[in-house]
Each structure stands twice: as structure tokens, then as C-alpha cells.
Amino acid sequence: MVQLAQSAGARVLLVGIRIPPNYGPRYTSEFAQMYPDVAKHYRLPLVPFLLEKVALDRSLMQDDGLHPTARGEPLVLDTLWQGLEPLLKKNR
């Protein structure tokens, strides 16, 4: 996907997510490490964890524990914006 996007002329921002721990420590760890590895390989900017500012606050997460509430979305945007804004400024 990264190669296809880049070959089409897109700038790519890699945005990491974490999986629940019930997948087991080995798989969870390898999954988490995939994002820095891909970012390094393709020299991409990386937002390590999209839900960094909301995941541990139950009041900002839906009952499923996986998705942010409407109140949490602005914080998700703040996290994403840190990586996205520099890419957008390159277009100016």
C-alpha cells in the first residue's frame, strides 16, 4: 500500500494502532513493532498510536473499549495532526 500510494505521488503518513492484549504478548508486540519498521524502511513520518490521548480514559472510549466517543475525537485529531500538518505544509 505504501509503494502504491507513493508511486501515485502521494505523501504517506503511517498511523499506528495497537491491538488488544488478548491476542497474546508475542503477537501484540510484533504488531506494535511493525509500524516503526515500515516507517523506517520507507522513510515515512509515523504517528505511533492514533488513540494515544484517549485509549486509557474510559470516558473518552465507547463501551466496546476500542473506539473513541465523540468527546474523544478532537484528541484523536490532535494526535493525528502532529504528523499530518508538516505533510500539508509541504504543499504550500
PDB file of N, CA and C in Angstrom:
ATOM      1  N   MET A   1       0.809  -1.184   0.000  1.00  0.00           N
ATOM      2  CA  MET A   1       0.000   0.000   0.000  1.00  0.00           C
ATOM      3  C   MET A   1       0.858   1.255   0.000  1.00  0.00           C
ATOM      4  N   VAL A   2       1.921   1.233   0.775  1.00  0.00           N
ATOM      5  CA  VAL A   2       2.817   2.392   0.813  1.00  0.00           C
ATOM      6  C   VAL A   2       3.407   2.626  -0.567  1.00  0.00           C
ATOM      7  N   GLN A   3       3.900   1.581  -1.178  1.00  0.00           N
ATOM      8  CA  GLN A   3       4.508   1.726  -2.507  1.00  0.00           C
ATOM      9  C   GLN A   3       3.502   2.238  -3.527  1.00  0.00           C
ATOM     10  N   LEU A   4       2.294   1.719  -3.509  1.00  0.00           N
ATOM     11  CA  LEU A   4       1.271   2.181  -4.451  1.00  0.00           C
ATOM     12  C   LEU A   4       0.943   3.651  -4.230  1.00  0.00           C
ATOM     13  N   ALA A   5       0.808   4.039  -2.996  1.00  0.00           N
ATOM     14  CA  ALA A   5       0.495   5.432  -2.696  1.00  0.00           C
ATOM     15  C   ALA A   5       1.632   6.349  -3.138  1.00  0.00           C
ATOM     16  N   GLN A   6       2.854   5.959  -2.828  1.00  0.00           N
ATOM     17  CA  GLN A   6       3.996   6.781  -3.216  1.00  0.00           C
ATOM     18  C   GLN A   6       4.157   6.841  -4.734  1.00  0.00           C
ATOM     19  N   SER A   7       3.930   5.730  -5.399  1.00  0.00           N
ATOM     20  CA  SER A   7       4.064   5.732  -6.858  1.00  0.00           C
ATOM     21  C   SER A   7       2.997   6.595  -7.527  1.00  0.00           C
ATOM     22  N   ALA A   8       1.899   6.839  -6.834  1.00  0.00           N
ATOM     23  CA  ALA A   8       0.850   7.718  -7.350  1.00  0.00           C
ATOM     24  C   ALA A   8       1.128   9.182  -6.990  1.00  0.00           C
ATOM     25  N   GLY A   9       2.241   9.424  -6.294  1.00  0.00           N
ATOM     26  CA  GLY A   9       2.616  10.783  -5.942  1.00  0.00           C
ATOM     27  C   GLY A   9       2.117  11.258  -4.592  1.00  0.00           C
ATOM     28  N   ALA A  10       1.527  10.368  -3.824  1.00  0.00           N
ATOM     29  CA  ALA A  10       1.007  10.747  -2.508  1.00  0.00           C
ATOM     30  C   ALA A  10       2.120  10.769  -1.469  1.00  0.00           C
ATOM     31  N   ARG A  11       1.996  11.688  -0.542  1.00  0.00           N
ATOM     32  CA  ARG A  11       2.846  11.644   0.649  1.00  0.00           C
ATOM     33  C   ARG A  11       2.126  10.759   1.652  1.00  0.00           C
ATOM     34  N   VAL A  12       2.879   9.901   2.299  1.00  0.00           N
ATOM     35  CA  VAL A  12       2.275   8.919   3.192  1.00  0.00           C
ATOM     36  C   VAL A  12       2.621   9.241   4.635  1.00  0.00           C
ATOM     37  N   LEU A  13       1.609   9.240   5.457  1.00  0.00           N
ATOM     38  CA  LEU A  13       1.767   9.322   6.906  1.00  0.00           C
ATOM     39  C   LEU A  13       1.324   7.979   7.467  1.00  0.00           C
ATOM     40  N   LEU A  14       2.218   7.287   8.109  1.00  0.00           N
ATOM     41  CA  LEU A  14       1.880   5.998   8.704  1.00  0.00           C
ATOM     42  C   LEU A  14       1.315   6.234  10.100  1.00  0.00           C
ATOM     43  N   VAL A  15       0.143   5.691  10.349  1.00  0.00           N
ATOM     44  CA  VAL A  15      -0.544   5.892  11.621  1.00  0.00           C
ATOM     45  C   VAL A  15      -0.710   4.538  12.302  1.00  0.00           C
ATOM     46  N   GLY A  16      -0.077   4.390  13.435  1.00  0.00           N
ATOM     47  CA  GLY A  16      -0.112   3.127  14.157  1.00  0.00           C
ATOM     48  C   GLY A  16      -1.337   2.990  15.042  1.00  0.00           C
ATOM     49  N   ILE A  17      -1.665   1.771  15.276  1.00  0.00           N
ATOM     50  CA  ILE A  17      -2.750   1.407  16.179  1.00  0.00           C
ATOM     51  C   ILE A  17      -2.262   0.207  16.991  1.00  0.00           C
ATOM     52  N   ARG A  18      -2.838  -0.008  18.112  1.00  0.00           N
ATOM     53  CA  ARG A  18      -2.475  -1.174  18.929  1.00  0.00           C
ATOM     54  C   ARG A  18      -3.660  -2.113  18.988  1.00  0.00           C
ATOM     55  N   ILE A  19      -3.341  -3.367  19.155  1.00  0.00           N
ATOM     56  CA  ILE A  19      -4.398  -4.370  19.267  1.00  0.00           C
ATOM     57  C   ILE A  19      -4.571  -4.754  20.730  1.00  0.00           C
ATOM     58  N   PRO A  20      -5.732  -5.260  21.080  1.00  0.00           N
ATOM     59  CA  PRO A  20      -5.973  -5.647  22.471  1.00  0.00           C
ATOM     60  C   PRO A  20      -5.000  -6.740  22.929  1.00  0.00           C
ATOM     61  N   PRO A  21      -4.678  -6.759  24.214  1.00  0.00           N
ATOM     62  CA  PRO A  21      -3.705  -7.718  24.729  1.00  0.00           C
ATOM     63  C   PRO A  21      -4.152  -9.177  24.662  1.00  0.00           C
ATOM     64  N   ASN A  22      -5.432  -9.414  24.423  1.00  0.00           N
ATOM     65  CA  ASN A  22      -5.883 -10.808  24.373  1.00  0.00           C
ATOM     66  C   ASN A  22      -5.351 -11.559  23.152  1.00  0.00           C
ATOM     67  N   TYR A  23      -4.665 -10.865  22.260  1.00  0.00           N
ATOM     68  CA  TYR A  23      -4.012 -11.537  21.132  1.00  0.00           C
ATOM     69  C   TYR A  23      -2.724 -12.229  21.564  1.00  0.00           C
ATOM     70  N   GLY A  24      -2.296 -11.947  22.762  1.00  0.00           N
ATOM     71  CA  GLY A  24      -1.086 -12.556  23.300  1.00  0.00           C
ATOM     72  C   GLY A  24       0.094 -11.610  23.183  1.00  0.00           C
ATOM     73  N   PRO A  25       1.045 -11.741  24.107  1.00  0.00           N
ATOM     74  CA  PRO A  25       2.159 -10.792  24.152  1.00  0.00           C
ATOM     75  C   PRO A  25       3.050 -10.824  22.911  1.00  0.00           C
ATOM     76  N   ARG A  26       3.301 -11.989  22.374  1.00  0.00           N
ATOM     77  CA  ARG A  26       4.187 -12.063  21.207  1.00  0.00           C
ATOM     78  C   ARG A  26       3.564 -11.373  20.002  1.00  0.00           C
ATOM     79  N   TYR A  27       2.319 -11.715  19.686  1.00  0.00           N
ATOM     80  CA  TYR A  27       1.662 -11.131  18.525  1.00  0.00           C
ATOM     81  C   TYR A  27       1.458  -9.626  18.737  1.00  0.00           C
ATOM     82  N   THR A  28       1.052  -9.241  19.936  1.00  0.00           N
ATOM     83  CA  THR A  28       0.822  -7.831  20.245  1.00  0.00           C
ATOM     84  C   THR A  28       2.108  -7.030  20.073  1.00  0.00           C
ATOM     85  N   SER A  29       3.199  -7.561  20.562  1.00  0.00           N
ATOM     86  CA  SER A  29       4.496  -6.885  20.455  1.00  0.00           C
ATOM     87  C   SER A  29       4.948  -6.777  19.002  1.00  0.00           C
ATOM     88  N   GLU A  30       4.843  -7.870  18.257  1.00  0.00           N
ATOM     89  CA  GLU A  30       5.258  -7.852  16.857  1.00  0.00           C
ATOM     90  C   GLU A  30       4.375  -6.916  16.029  1.00  0.00           C
ATOM     91  N   PHE A  31       3.096  -6.882  16.335  1.00  0.00           N
ATOM     92  CA  PHE A  31       2.177  -5.985  15.648  1.00  0.00           C
ATOM     93  C   PHE A  31       2.580  -4.534  15.896  1.00  0.00           C
ATOM     94  N   ALA A  32       2.864  -4.198  17.147  1.00  0.00           N
ATOM     95  CA  ALA A  32       3.259  -2.833  17.501  1.00  0.00           C
ATOM     96  C   ALA A  32       4.566  -2.437  16.826  1.00  0.00           C
ATOM     97  N   GLN A  33       5.498  -3.361  16.716  1.00  0.00           N
ATOM     98  CA  GLN A  33       6.806  -3.069  16.121  1.00  0.00           C
ATOM     99  C   GLN A  33       6.729  -2.906  14.609  1.00  0.00           C
ATOM    100  N   MET A  34       5.684  -3.441  13.997  1.00  0.00           N
ATOM    101  CA  MET A  34       5.535  -3.359  12.550  1.00  0.00           C
ATOM    102  C   MET A  34       5.534  -1.900  12.078  1.00  0.00           C
ATOM    103  N   TYR A  35       4.879  -1.018  12.804  1.00  0.00           N
ATOM    104  CA  TYR A  35       4.760   0.373  12.360  1.00  0.00           C
ATOM    105  C   TYR A  35       6.107   1.088  12.317  1.00  0.00           C
ATOM    106  N   PRO A  36       6.909   1.058  13.372  1.00  0.00           N
ATOM    107  CA  PRO A  36       8.230   1.692  13.265  1.00  0.00           C
ATOM    108  C   PRO A  36       9.101   1.047  12.183  1.00  0.00           C
ATOM    109  N   ASP A  37       8.983  -0.264  12.013  1.00  0.00           N
ATOM    110  CA  ASP A  37       9.774  -0.938  10.985  1.00  0.00           C
ATOM    111  C   ASP A  37       9.395  -0.465   9.579  1.00  0.00           C
ATOM    112  N   VAL A  38       8.106  -0.385   9.314  1.00  0.00           N
ATOM    113  CA  VAL A  38       7.641   0.074   7.991  1.00  0.00           C
ATOM    114  C   VAL A  38       8.021   1.543   7.794  1.00  0.00           C
ATOM    115  N   ALA A  39       7.838   2.351   8.824  1.00  0.00           N
ATOM    116  CA  ALA A  39       8.189   3.769   8.720  1.00  0.00           C
ATOM    117  C   ALA A  39       9.671   3.943   8.406  1.00  0.00           C
ATOM    118  N   LYS A  40      10.499   3.176   9.060  1.00  0.00           N
ATOM    119  CA  LYS A  40      11.942   3.262   8.811  1.00  0.00           C
ATOM    120  C   LYS A  40      12.276   2.791   7.402  1.00  0.00           C
ATOM    121  N   HIS A  41      11.713   1.667   6.999  1.00  0.00           N
ATOM    122  CA  HIS A  41      12.009   1.101   5.680  1.00  0.00           C
ATOM    123  C   HIS A  41      11.656   2.066   4.549  1.00  0.00           C
ATOM    124  N   TYR A  42      10.504   2.712   4.669  1.00  0.00           N
ATOM    125  CA  TYR A  42      10.038   3.609   3.605  1.00  0.00           C
ATOM    126  C   TYR A  42      10.314   5.082   3.903  1.00  0.00           C
ATOM    127  N   ARG A  43      11.002   5.349   5.024  1.00  0.00           N
ATOM    128  CA  ARG A  43      11.325   6.723   5.426  1.00  0.00           C
ATOM    129  C   ARG A  43      10.063   7.577   5.524  1.00  0.00           C
ATOM    130  N   LEU A  44       9.127   7.075   6.305  1.00  0.00           N
ATOM    131  CA  LEU A  44       7.838   7.730   6.472  1.00  0.00           C
ATOM    132  C   LEU A  44       7.738   8.409   7.829  1.00  0.00           C
ATOM    133  N   PRO A  45       7.007   9.497   7.901  1.00  0.00           N
ATOM    134  CA  PRO A  45       6.656  10.014   9.218  1.00  0.00           C
ATOM    135  C   PRO A  45       5.670   9.049   9.875  1.00  0.00           C
ATOM    136  N   LEU A  46       5.747   8.972  11.181  1.00  0.00           N
ATOM    137  CA  LEU A  46       4.948   7.992  11.922  1.00  0.00           C
ATOM    138  C   LEU A  46       4.240   8.641  13.097  1.00  0.00           C
ATOM    139  N   VAL A  47       2.958   8.391  13.197  1.00  0.00           N
ATOM    140  CA  VAL A  47       2.202   8.656  14.416  1.00  0.00           C
ATOM    141  C   VAL A  47       2.116   7.290  15.092  1.00  0.00           C
ATOM    142  N   PRO A  48       2.854   7.070  16.173  1.00  0.00           N
ATOM    143  CA  PRO A  48       2.954   5.726  16.742  1.00  0.00           C
ATOM    144  C   PRO A  48       1.633   5.095  17.179  1.00  0.00           C
ATOM    145  N   PHE A  49       0.734   5.896  17.778  1.00  0.00           N
ATOM    146  CA  PHE A  49      -0.510   5.326  18.290  1.00  0.00           C
ATOM    147  C   PHE A  49      -1.628   6.348  18.158  1.00  0.00           C
ATOM    148  N   LEU A  50      -2.534   6.116  17.242  1.00  0.00           N
ATOM    149  CA  LEU A  50      -3.623   7.035  16.938  1.00  0.00           C
ATOM    150  C   LEU A  50      -4.454   7.400  18.171  1.00  0.00           C
ATOM    151  N   LEU A  51      -4.672   6.453  19.046  1.00  0.00           N
ATOM    152  CA  LEU A  51      -5.550   6.672  20.198  1.00  0.00           C
ATOM    153  C   LEU A  51      -4.781   7.018  21.480  1.00  0.00           C
ATOM    154  N   GLU A  52      -3.578   7.510  21.315  1.00  0.00           N
ATOM    155  CA  GLU A  52      -2.686   7.779  22.443  1.00  0.00           C
ATOM    156  C   GLU A  52      -3.335   8.602  23.552  1.00  0.00           C
ATOM    157  N   LYS A  53      -4.087   9.627  23.197  1.00  0.00           N
ATOM    158  CA  LYS A  53      -4.641  10.540  24.198  1.00  0.00           C
ATOM    159  C   LYS A  53      -6.002  10.114  24.728  1.00  0.00           C
ATOM    160  N   VAL A  54      -6.562   9.024  24.202  1.00  0.00           N
ATOM    161  CA  VAL A  54      -7.910   8.637  24.636  1.00  0.00           C
ATOM    162  C   VAL A  54      -8.024   7.196  25.121  1.00  0.00           C
ATOM    163  N   ALA A  55      -7.142   6.334  24.712  1.00  0.00           N
ATOM    164  CA  ALA A  55      -7.310   4.893  24.944  1.00  0.00           C
ATOM    165  C   ALA A  55      -7.421   4.507  26.417  1.00  0.00           C
ATOM    166  N   LEU A  56      -6.734   5.220  27.275  1.00  0.00           N
ATOM    167  CA  LEU A  56      -6.743   4.843  28.687  1.00  0.00           C
ATOM    168  C   LEU A  56      -7.775   5.598  29.514  1.00  0.00           C
ATOM    169  N   ASP A  57      -8.563   6.428  28.862  1.00  0.00           N
ATOM    170  CA  ASP A  57      -9.604   7.181  29.557  1.00  0.00           C
ATOM    171  C   ASP A  57     -10.958   6.619  29.139  1.00  0.00           C
ATOM    172  N   ARG A  58     -11.561   5.819  30.000  1.00  0.00           N
ATOM    173  CA  ARG A  58     -12.827   5.151  29.675  1.00  0.00           C
ATOM    174  C   ARG A  58     -13.928   6.131  29.280  1.00  0.00           C
ATOM    175  N   SER A  59     -13.883   7.339  29.810  1.00  0.00           N
ATOM    176  CA  SER A  59     -14.920   8.321  29.486  1.00  0.00           C
ATOM    177  C   SER A  59     -14.802   8.830  28.051  1.00  0.00           C
ATOM    178  N   LEU A  60     -13.657   8.572  27.418  1.00  0.00           N
ATOM    179  CA  LEU A  60     -13.450   9.014  26.040  1.00  0.00           C
ATOM    180  C   LEU A  60     -13.549   7.867  25.038  1.00  0.00           C
ATOM    181  N   MET A  61     -13.870   6.675  25.560  1.00  0.00           N
ATOM    182  CA  MET A  61     -13.968   5.497  24.699  1.00  0.00           C
ATOM    183  C   MET A  61     -15.392   4.937  24.743  1.00  0.00           C
ATOM    184  N   GLN A  62     -15.820   4.383  23.613  1.00  0.00           N
ATOM    185  CA  GLN A  62     -17.128   3.744  23.565  1.00  0.00           C
ATOM    186  C   GLN A  62     -17.113   2.483  24.427  1.00  0.00           C
ATOM    187  N   ASP A  63     -18.283   1.927  24.658  1.00  0.00           N
ATOM    188  CA  ASP A  63     -18.405   0.748  25.514  1.00  0.00           C
ATOM    189  C   ASP A  63     -17.589  -0.442  25.012  1.00  0.00           C
ATOM    190  N   ASP A  64     -17.302  -0.494  23.708  1.00  0.00           N
ATOM    191  CA  ASP A  64     -16.509  -1.611  23.183  1.00  0.00           C
ATOM    192  C   ASP A  64     -15.043  -1.515  23.585  1.00  0.00           C
ATOM    193  N   GLY A  65     -14.625  -0.364  24.117  1.00  0.00           N
ATOM    194  CA  GLY A  65     -13.241  -0.181  24.545  1.00  0.00           C
ATOM    195  C   GLY A  65     -12.263  -0.031  23.403  1.00  0.00           C
ATOM    196  N   LEU A  66     -12.752   0.032  22.181  1.00  0.00           N
ATOM    197  CA  LEU A  66     -11.884   0.099  21.008  1.00  0.00           C
ATOM    198  C   LEU A  66     -11.981   1.413  20.241  1.00  0.00           C
ATOM    199  N   HIS A  67     -13.121   2.057  20.341  1.00  0.00           N
ATOM    200  CA  HIS A  67     -13.382   3.237  19.522  1.00  0.00           C
ATOM    201  C   HIS A  67     -13.660   4.448  20.406  1.00  0.00           C
ATOM    202  N   PRO A  68     -13.126   5.617  20.016  1.00  0.00           N
ATOM    203  CA  PRO A  68     -13.359   6.816  20.803  1.00  0.00           C
ATOM    204  C   PRO A  68     -14.791   7.326  20.676  1.00  0.00           C
ATOM    205  N   THR A  69     -15.207   8.041  21.691  1.00  0.00           N
ATOM    206  CA  THR A  69     -16.506   8.704  21.675  1.00  0.00           C
ATOM    207  C   THR A  69     -16.362  10.025  20.909  1.00  0.00           C
ATOM    208  N   ALA A  70     -17.484  10.689  20.708  1.00  0.00           N
ATOM    209  CA  ALA A  70     -17.459  11.999  20.057  1.00  0.00           C
ATOM    210  C   ALA A  70     -16.593  12.978  20.854  1.00  0.00           C
ATOM    211  N   ARG A  71     -16.615  12.876  22.173  1.00  0.00           N
ATOM    212  CA  ARG A  71     -15.765  13.735  23.009  1.00  0.00           C
ATOM    213  C   ARG A  71     -14.287  13.441  22.825  1.00  0.00           C
ATOM    214  N   GLY A  72     -13.964  12.209  22.498  1.00  0.00           N
ATOM    215  CA  GLY A  72     -12.571  11.826  22.317  1.00  0.00           C
ATOM    216  C   GLY A  72     -11.999  12.176  20.956  1.00  0.00           C
ATOM    217  N   GLU A  73     -12.865  12.368  19.980  1.00  0.00           N
ATOM    218  CA  GLU A  73     -12.387  12.603  18.609  1.00  0.00           C
ATOM    219  C   GLU A  73     -11.483  13.821  18.459  1.00  0.00           C
ATOM    220  N   PRO A  74     -11.757  14.947  19.134  1.00  0.00           N
ATOM    221  CA  PRO A  74     -10.819  16.065  18.996  1.00  0.00           C
ATOM    222  C   PRO A  74      -9.404  15.722  19.468  1.00  0.00           C
ATOM    223  N   LEU A  75      -9.296  14.874  20.465  1.00  0.00           N
ATOM    224  CA  LEU A  75      -7.972  14.450  20.936  1.00  0.00           C
ATOM    225  C   LEU A  75      -7.298  13.525  19.934  1.00  0.00           C
ATOM    226  N   VAL A  76      -8.089  12.712  19.253  1.00  0.00           N
ATOM    227  CA  VAL A  76      -7.541  11.872  18.188  1.00  0.00           C
ATOM    228  C   VAL A  76      -7.012  12.774  17.074  1.00  0.00           C
ATOM    229  N   LEU A  77      -7.768  13.791  16.731  1.00  0.00           N
ATOM    230  CA  LEU A  77      -7.319  14.754  15.721  1.00  0.00           C
ATOM    231  C   LEU A  77      -6.013  15.412  16.144  1.00  0.00           C
ATOM    232  N   ASP A  78      -5.902  15.813  17.399  1.00  0.00           N
ATOM    233  CA  ASP A  78      -4.658  16.421  17.881  1.00  0.00           C
ATOM    234  C   ASP A  78      -3.476  15.486  17.662  1.00  0.00           C
ATOM    235  N   THR A  79      -3.660  14.221  17.962  1.00  0.00           N
ATOM    236  CA  THR A  79      -2.595  13.236  17.779  1.00  0.00           C
ATOM    237  C   THR A  79      -2.242  13.097  16.306  1.00  0.00           C
ATOM    238  N   LEU A  80      -3.231  12.974  15.471  1.00  0.00           N
ATOM    239  CA  LEU A  80      -3.020  12.816  14.035  1.00  0.00           C
ATOM    240  C   LEU A  80      -2.405  14.069  13.416  1.00  0.00           C
ATOM    241  N   TRP A  81      -2.846  15.219  13.863  1.00  0.00           N
ATOM    242  CA  TRP A  81      -2.408  16.482  13.286  1.00  0.00           C
ATOM    243  C   TRP A  81      -0.906  16.690  13.427  1.00  0.00           C
ATOM    244  N   GLN A  82      -0.309  16.160  14.486  1.00  0.00           N
ATOM    245  CA  GLN A  82       1.141  16.301  14.696  1.00  0.00           C
ATOM    246  C   GLN A  82       1.931  15.756  13.505  1.00  0.00           C
ATOM    247  N   GLY A  83       1.453  14.679  12.912  1.00  0.00           N
ATOM    248  CA  GLY A  83       2.137  14.112  11.752  1.00  0.00           C
ATOM    249  C   GLY A  83       1.615  14.641  10.431  1.00  0.00           C
ATOM    250  N   LEU A  84       0.360  15.003  10.405  1.00  0.00           N
ATOM    251  CA  LEU A  84      -0.276  15.434   9.155  1.00  0.00           C
ATOM    252  C   LEU A  84       0.074  16.869   8.777  1.00  0.00           C
ATOM    253  N   GLU A  85       0.106  17.752   9.724  1.00  0.00           N
ATOM    254  CA  GLU A  85       0.349  19.167   9.416  1.00  0.00           C
ATOM    255  C   GLU A  85       1.649  19.396   8.643  1.00  0.00           C
ATOM    256  N   PRO A  86       2.776  18.799   9.042  1.00  0.00           N
ATOM    257  CA  PRO A  86       4.000  19.012   8.260  1.00  0.00           C
ATOM    258  C   PRO A  86       3.886  18.539   6.805  1.00  0.00           C
ATOM    259  N   LEU A  87       3.143  17.468   6.577  1.00  0.00           N
ATOM    260  CA  LEU A  87       2.970  16.996   5.200  1.00  0.00           C
ATOM    261  C   LEU A  87       2.150  17.979   4.383  1.00  0.00           C
ATOM    262  N   LEU A  88       1.143  18.558   4.992  1.00  0.00           N
ATOM    263  CA  LEU A  88       0.302  19.521   4.303  1.00  0.00           C
ATOM    264  C   LEU A  88       1.039  20.819   4.019  1.00  0.00           C
ATOM    265  N   LYS A  89       1.923  21.223   4.915  1.00  0.00           N
ATOM    266  CA  LYS A  89       2.690  22.437   4.712  1.00  0.00           C
ATOM    267  C   LYS A  89       3.641  22.316   3.523  1.00  0.00           C
ATOM    268  N   LYS A  90       4.050  21.098   3.206  1.00  0.00           N
ATOM    269  CA  LYS A  90       4.930  20.894   2.045  1.00  0.00           C
ATOM    270  C   LYS A  90       4.247  21.246   0.739  1.00  0.00           C
ATOM    271  N   ASN A  91       2.925  21.270   0.733  1.00  0.00           N
ATOM    272  CA  ASN A  91       2.171  21.606  -0.485  1.00  0.00           C
ATOM    273  C   ASN A  91       2.103  23.116  -0.706  1.00  0.00           C
ATOM    274  N   ARG A  92       2.433  23.895   0.260  1.00  0.00           N
ATOM    275  CA  ARG A  92       2.304  25.360   0.145  1.00  0.00           C
ATOM    276  C   ARG A  92       3.493  25.956  -0.532  1.00  0.00           C
TER     277      ARG A  92
END
